[in-house]
């Protein structure tokens, strides 16, 4: 299921991802940003799991 999301980021952040997208075939700036956010969410969920496990111990 696709859920549309609207984010507002500073121009320099957008330009960073725009430049990165030029080096990845068939990817838009938004694709690169979505991948980065997904990867960050994965890292955060691992951290949260570790913290909860240590609190329960």
PDB file of N, CA and C in Angstrom:
ATOM      1  N   UNK A   1       0.848  -1.170   0.000  1.00  0.00           N
ATOM      2  CA  UNK A   1       0.000   0.000   0.000  1.00  0.00           C
ATOM      3  C   UNK A   1       0.894   1.232   0.000  1.00  0.00           C
ATOM      4  N   UNK A   2       0.645   2.133  -0.908  1.00  0.00           N
ATOM      5  CA  UNK A   2       1.376   3.396  -0.968  1.00  0.00           C
ATOM      6  C   UNK A   2       0.618   4.451  -0.184  1.00  0.00           C
ATOM      7  N   UNK A   3       1.339   5.164   0.655  1.00  0.00           N
ATOM      8  CA  UNK A   3       0.755   6.250   1.437  1.00  0.00           C
ATOM      9  C   UNK A   3       1.500   7.523   1.061  1.00  0.00           C
ATOM     10  N   UNK A   4       0.812   8.469   0.431  1.00  0.00           N
ATOM     11  CA  UNK A   4       1.495   9.709   0.064  1.00  0.00           C
ATOM     12  C   UNK A   4       1.877  10.513   1.305  1.00  0.00           C
ATOM     13  N   UNK A   5       3.095  11.040   1.282  1.00  0.00           N
ATOM     14  CA  UNK A   5       3.600  11.838   2.396  1.00  0.00           C
ATOM     15  C   UNK A   5       4.222  13.097   1.816  1.00  0.00           C
ATOM     16  N   UNK A   6       4.003  14.200   2.475  1.00  0.00           N
ATOM     17  CA  UNK A   6       4.609  15.454   2.039  1.00  0.00           C
ATOM     18  C   UNK A   6       5.575  15.926   3.121  1.00  0.00           C
ATOM     19  N   UNK A   7       6.836  16.085   2.745  1.00  0.00           N
ATOM     20  CA  UNK A   7       7.867  16.563   3.653  1.00  0.00           C
ATOM     21  C   UNK A   7       8.413  17.890   3.145  1.00  0.00           C
ATOM     22  N   UNK A   8       8.737  18.748   4.051  1.00  0.00           N
ATOM     23  CA  UNK A   8       9.395  19.990   3.691  1.00  0.00           C
ATOM     24  C   UNK A   8      10.811  19.936   4.249  1.00  0.00           C
ATOM     25  N   UNK A   9      11.780  20.056   3.363  1.00  0.00           N
ATOM     26  CA  UNK A   9      13.185  20.023   3.779  1.00  0.00           C
ATOM     27  C   UNK A   9      13.872  21.275   3.246  1.00  0.00           C
ATOM     28  N   UNK A  10      14.934  21.701   3.917  1.00  0.00           N
ATOM     29  CA  UNK A  10      15.679  22.852   3.412  1.00  0.00           C
ATOM     30  C   UNK A  10      16.230  22.569   2.010  1.00  0.00           C
ATOM     31  N   UNK A  11      16.410  23.607   1.239  1.00  0.00           N
ATOM     32  CA  UNK A  11      16.902  23.467  -0.134  1.00  0.00           C
ATOM     33  C   UNK A  11      18.226  22.721  -0.207  1.00  0.00           C
ATOM     34  N   UNK A  12      19.136  22.982   0.737  1.00  0.00           N
ATOM     35  CA  UNK A  12      20.442  22.334   0.658  1.00  0.00           C
ATOM     36  C   UNK A  12      20.338  20.829   0.885  1.00  0.00           C
ATOM     37  N   UNK A  13      19.376  20.385   1.675  1.00  0.00           N
ATOM     38  CA  UNK A  13      19.159  18.951   1.877  1.00  0.00           C
ATOM     39  C   UNK A  13      18.622  18.342   0.586  1.00  0.00           C
ATOM     40  N   UNK A  14      17.657  19.006  -0.020  1.00  0.00           N
ATOM     41  CA  UNK A  14      17.106  18.503  -1.285  1.00  0.00           C
ATOM     42  C   UNK A  14      18.187  18.419  -2.352  1.00  0.00           C
ATOM     43  N   UNK A  15      19.026  19.451  -2.435  1.00  0.00           N
ATOM     44  CA  UNK A  15      20.095  19.457  -3.436  1.00  0.00           C
ATOM     45  C   UNK A  15      21.081  18.312  -3.207  1.00  0.00           C
ATOM     46  N   UNK A  16      21.347  17.984  -1.939  1.00  0.00           N
ATOM     47  CA  UNK A  16      22.235  16.855  -1.626  1.00  0.00           C
ATOM     48  C   UNK A  16      21.680  15.561  -2.212  1.00  0.00           C
ATOM     49  N   UNK A  17      20.399  15.292  -1.969  1.00  0.00           N
ATOM     50  CA  UNK A  17      19.791  14.070  -2.488  1.00  0.00           C
ATOM     51  C   UNK A  17      19.601  14.127  -4.002  1.00  0.00           C
ATOM     52  N   UNK A  18      19.381  15.323  -4.512  1.00  0.00           N
ATOM     53  CA  UNK A  18      19.269  15.482  -5.965  1.00  0.00           C
ATOM     54  C   UNK A  18      20.589  15.110  -6.640  1.00  0.00           C
ATOM     55  N   UNK A  19      21.688  15.567  -6.064  1.00  0.00           N
ATOM     56  CA  UNK A  19      23.008  15.226  -6.605  1.00  0.00           C
ATOM     57  C   UNK A  19      23.264  13.721  -6.493  1.00  0.00           C
ATOM     58  N   UNK A  20      22.891  13.124  -5.377  1.00  0.00           N
ATOM     59  CA  UNK A  20      23.073  11.683  -5.205  1.00  0.00           C
ATOM     60  C   UNK A  20      22.265  10.907  -6.236  1.00  0.00           C
ATOM     61  N   UNK A  21      21.066  11.376  -6.538  1.00  0.00           N
ATOM     62  CA  UNK A  21      20.206  10.650  -7.488  1.00  0.00           C
ATOM     63  C   UNK A  21      20.784  10.639  -8.893  1.00  0.00           C
ATOM     64  N   UNK A  22      21.638  11.584  -9.206  1.00  0.00           N
ATOM     65  CA  UNK A  22      22.263  11.625 -10.530  1.00  0.00           C
ATOM     66  C   UNK A  22      23.235  10.469 -10.731  1.00  0.00           C
ATOM     67  N   UNK A  23      23.683   9.865  -9.635  1.00  0.00           N
ATOM     68  CA  UNK A  23      24.656   8.777  -9.702  1.00  0.00           C
ATOM     69  C   UNK A  23      24.009   7.402  -9.594  1.00  0.00           C
ATOM     70  N   UNK A  24      22.686   7.367  -9.517  1.00  0.00           N
ATOM     71  CA  UNK A  24      21.961   6.101  -9.409  1.00  0.00           C
ATOM     72  C   UNK A  24      20.989   6.024 -10.588  1.00  0.00           C
ATOM     73  N   UNK A  25      21.137   5.001 -11.393  1.00  0.00           N
ATOM     74  CA  UNK A  25      20.315   4.874 -12.599  1.00  0.00           C
ATOM     75  C   UNK A  25      18.839   4.737 -12.266  1.00  0.00           C
ATOM     76  N   UNK A  26      18.029   5.456 -12.992  1.00  0.00           N
ATOM     77  CA  UNK A  26      16.568   5.381 -12.893  1.00  0.00           C
ATOM     78  C   UNK A  26      16.019   5.693 -11.504  1.00  0.00           C
ATOM     79  N   UNK A  27      16.688   6.572 -10.769  1.00  0.00           N
ATOM     80  CA  UNK A  27      16.192   6.974  -9.445  1.00  0.00           C
ATOM     81  C   UNK A  27      15.955   8.473  -9.422  1.00  0.00           C
ATOM     82  N   UNK A  28      14.842   8.850  -8.835  1.00  0.00           N
ATOM     83  CA  UNK A  28      14.555  10.265  -8.652  1.00  0.00           C
ATOM     84  C   UNK A  28      15.112  10.715  -7.300  1.00  0.00           C
ATOM     85  N   UNK A  29      15.136  11.995  -7.113  1.00  0.00           N
ATOM     86  CA  UNK A  29      15.546  12.545  -5.829  1.00  0.00           C
ATOM     87  C   UNK A  29      14.671  11.984  -4.718  1.00  0.00           C
ATOM     88  N   UNK A  30      13.381  11.909  -4.987  1.00  0.00           N
ATOM     89  CA  UNK A  30      12.443  11.402  -3.987  1.00  0.00           C
ATOM     90  C   UNK A  30      12.693   9.927  -3.669  1.00  0.00           C
ATOM     91  N   UNK A  31      13.102   9.139  -4.674  1.00  0.00           N
ATOM     92  CA  UNK A  31      13.444   7.737  -4.431  1.00  0.00           C
ATOM     93  C   UNK A  31      14.611   7.622  -3.455  1.00  0.00           C
ATOM     94  N   UNK A  32      15.634   8.436  -3.684  1.00  0.00           N
ATOM     95  CA  UNK A  32      16.818   8.398  -2.821  1.00  0.00           C
ATOM     96  C   UNK A  32      16.453   8.826  -1.408  1.00  0.00           C
ATOM     97  N   UNK A  33      15.636   9.871  -1.281  1.00  0.00           N
ATOM     98  CA  UNK A  33      15.221  10.336   0.045  1.00  0.00           C
ATOM     99  C   UNK A  33      14.390   9.273   0.755  1.00  0.00           C
ATOM    100  N   UNK A  34      13.507   8.619   0.032  1.00  0.00           N
ATOM    101  CA  UNK A  34      12.673   7.564   0.632  1.00  0.00           C
ATOM    102  C   UNK A  34      13.545   6.406   1.106  1.00  0.00           C
ATOM    103  N   UNK A  35      14.531   6.026   0.313  1.00  0.00           N
ATOM    104  CA  UNK A  35      15.442   4.947   0.724  1.00  0.00           C
ATOM    105  C   UNK A  35      16.223   5.335   1.973  1.00  0.00           C
ATOM    106  N   UNK A  36      16.698   6.566   2.008  1.00  0.00           N
ATOM    107  CA  UNK A  36      17.460   7.029   3.177  1.00  0.00           C
ATOM    108  C   UNK A  36      16.584   7.043   4.423  1.00  0.00           C
ATOM    109  N   UNK A  37      15.360   7.514   4.300  1.00  0.00           N
ATOM    110  CA  UNK A  37      14.455   7.539   5.451  1.00  0.00           C
ATOM    111  C   UNK A  37      14.098   6.129   5.916  1.00  0.00           C
ATOM    112  N   UNK A  38      13.919   5.221   4.985  1.00  0.00           N
ATOM    113  CA  UNK A  38      13.620   3.836   5.344  1.00  0.00           C
ATOM    114  C   UNK A  38      14.796   3.198   6.072  1.00  0.00           C
ATOM    115  N   UNK A  39      15.997   3.439   5.572  1.00  0.00           N
ATOM    116  CA  UNK A  39      17.186   2.897   6.228  1.00  0.00           C
ATOM    117  C   UNK A  39      17.337   3.472   7.636  1.00  0.00           C
ATOM    118  N   UNK A  40      17.090   4.755   7.790  1.00  0.00           N
ATOM    119  CA  UNK A  40      17.185   5.395   9.104  1.00  0.00           C
ATOM    120  C   UNK A  40      16.138   4.826  10.057  1.00  0.00           C
ATOM    121  N   UNK A  41      14.939   4.606   9.569  1.00  0.00           N
ATOM    122  CA  UNK A  41      13.890   4.016  10.400  1.00  0.00           C
ATOM    123  C   UNK A  41      14.298   2.624  10.868  1.00  0.00           C
ATOM    124  N   UNK A  42      14.943   1.861   9.997  1.00  0.00           N
ATOM    125  CA  UNK A  42      15.426   0.539  10.379  1.00  0.00           C
ATOM    126  C   UNK A  42      16.468   0.609  11.475  1.00  0.00           C
ATOM    127  N   UNK A  43      17.399   1.551  11.362  1.00  0.00           N
ATOM    128  CA  UNK A  43      18.407   1.723  12.406  1.00  0.00           C
ATOM    129  C   UNK A  43      17.783   2.126  13.733  1.00  0.00           C
ATOM    130  N   UNK A  44      16.812   3.029  13.662  1.00  0.00           N
ATOM    131  CA  UNK A  44      16.144   3.462  14.891  1.00  0.00           C
ATOM    132  C   UNK A  44      15.385   2.323  15.556  1.00  0.00           C
ATOM    133  N   UNK A  45      14.719   1.506  14.760  1.00  0.00           N
ATOM    134  CA  UNK A  45      13.950   0.410  15.345  1.00  0.00           C
ATOM    135  C   UNK A  45      14.884  -0.604  16.010  1.00  0.00           C
ATOM    136  N   UNK A  46      16.069  -0.838  15.440  1.00  0.00           N
ATOM    137  CA  UNK A  46      17.045  -1.722  16.078  1.00  0.00           C
ATOM    138  C   UNK A  46      17.490  -1.143  17.412  1.00  0.00           C
ATOM    139  N   UNK A  47      17.786   0.150  17.446  1.00  0.00           N
ATOM    140  CA  UNK A  47      18.210   0.808  18.679  1.00  0.00           C
ATOM    141  C   UNK A  47      17.127   0.730  19.752  1.00  0.00           C
ATOM    142  N   UNK A  48      15.902   0.999  19.356  1.00  0.00           N
ATOM    143  CA  UNK A  48      14.788   0.960  20.308  1.00  0.00           C
ATOM    144  C   UNK A  48      14.632  -0.449  20.865  1.00  0.00           C
ATOM    145  N   UNK A  49      14.758  -1.453  20.012  1.00  0.00           N
ATOM    146  CA  UNK A  49      14.650  -2.843  20.462  1.00  0.00           C
ATOM    147  C   UNK A  49      15.743  -3.174  21.467  1.00  0.00           C
ATOM    148  N   UNK A  50      16.974  -2.739  21.188  1.00  0.00           N
ATOM    149  CA  UNK A  50      18.078  -2.998  22.103  1.00  0.00           C
ATOM    150  C   UNK A  50      17.847  -2.307  23.450  1.00  0.00           C
ATOM    151  N   UNK A  51      17.373  -1.059  23.415  1.00  0.00           N
ATOM    152  CA  UNK A  51      17.128  -0.323  24.661  1.00  0.00           C
ATOM    153  C   UNK A  51      16.037  -0.993  25.481  1.00  0.00           C
ATOM    154  N   UNK A  52      14.979  -1.425  24.833  1.00  0.00           N
ATOM    155  CA  UNK A  52      13.884  -2.091  25.542  1.00  0.00           C
ATOM    156  C   UNK A  52      14.336  -3.414  26.131  1.00  0.00           C
ATOM    157  N   UNK A  53      15.162  -4.149  25.395  1.00  0.00           N
ATOM    158  CA  UNK A  53      15.674  -5.422  25.890  1.00  0.00           C
ATOM    159  C   UNK A  53      16.539  -5.214  27.126  1.00  0.00           C
ATOM    160  N   UNK A  54      17.364  -4.167  27.130  1.00  0.00           N
ATOM    161  CA  UNK A  54      18.221  -3.905  28.284  1.00  0.00           C
ATOM    162  C   UNK A  54      17.413  -3.404  29.470  1.00  0.00           C
ATOM    163  N   UNK A  55      16.310  -2.709  29.215  1.00  0.00           N
ATOM    164  CA  UNK A  55      15.446  -2.247  30.306  1.00  0.00           C
ATOM    165  C   UNK A  55      14.702  -3.415  30.956  1.00  0.00           C
ATOM    166  N   UNK A  56      14.349  -4.405  30.147  1.00  0.00           N
ATOM    167  CA  UNK A  56      13.610  -5.559  30.648  1.00  0.00           C
ATOM    168  C   UNK A  56      14.503  -6.546  31.396  1.00  0.00           C
ATOM    169  N   UNK A  57      15.811  -6.453  31.182  1.00  0.00           N
ATOM    170  CA  UNK A  57      16.745  -7.407  31.810  1.00  0.00           C
ATOM    171  C   UNK A  57      17.002  -7.091  33.254  1.00  0.00           C
TER     172      UNK A  57
END
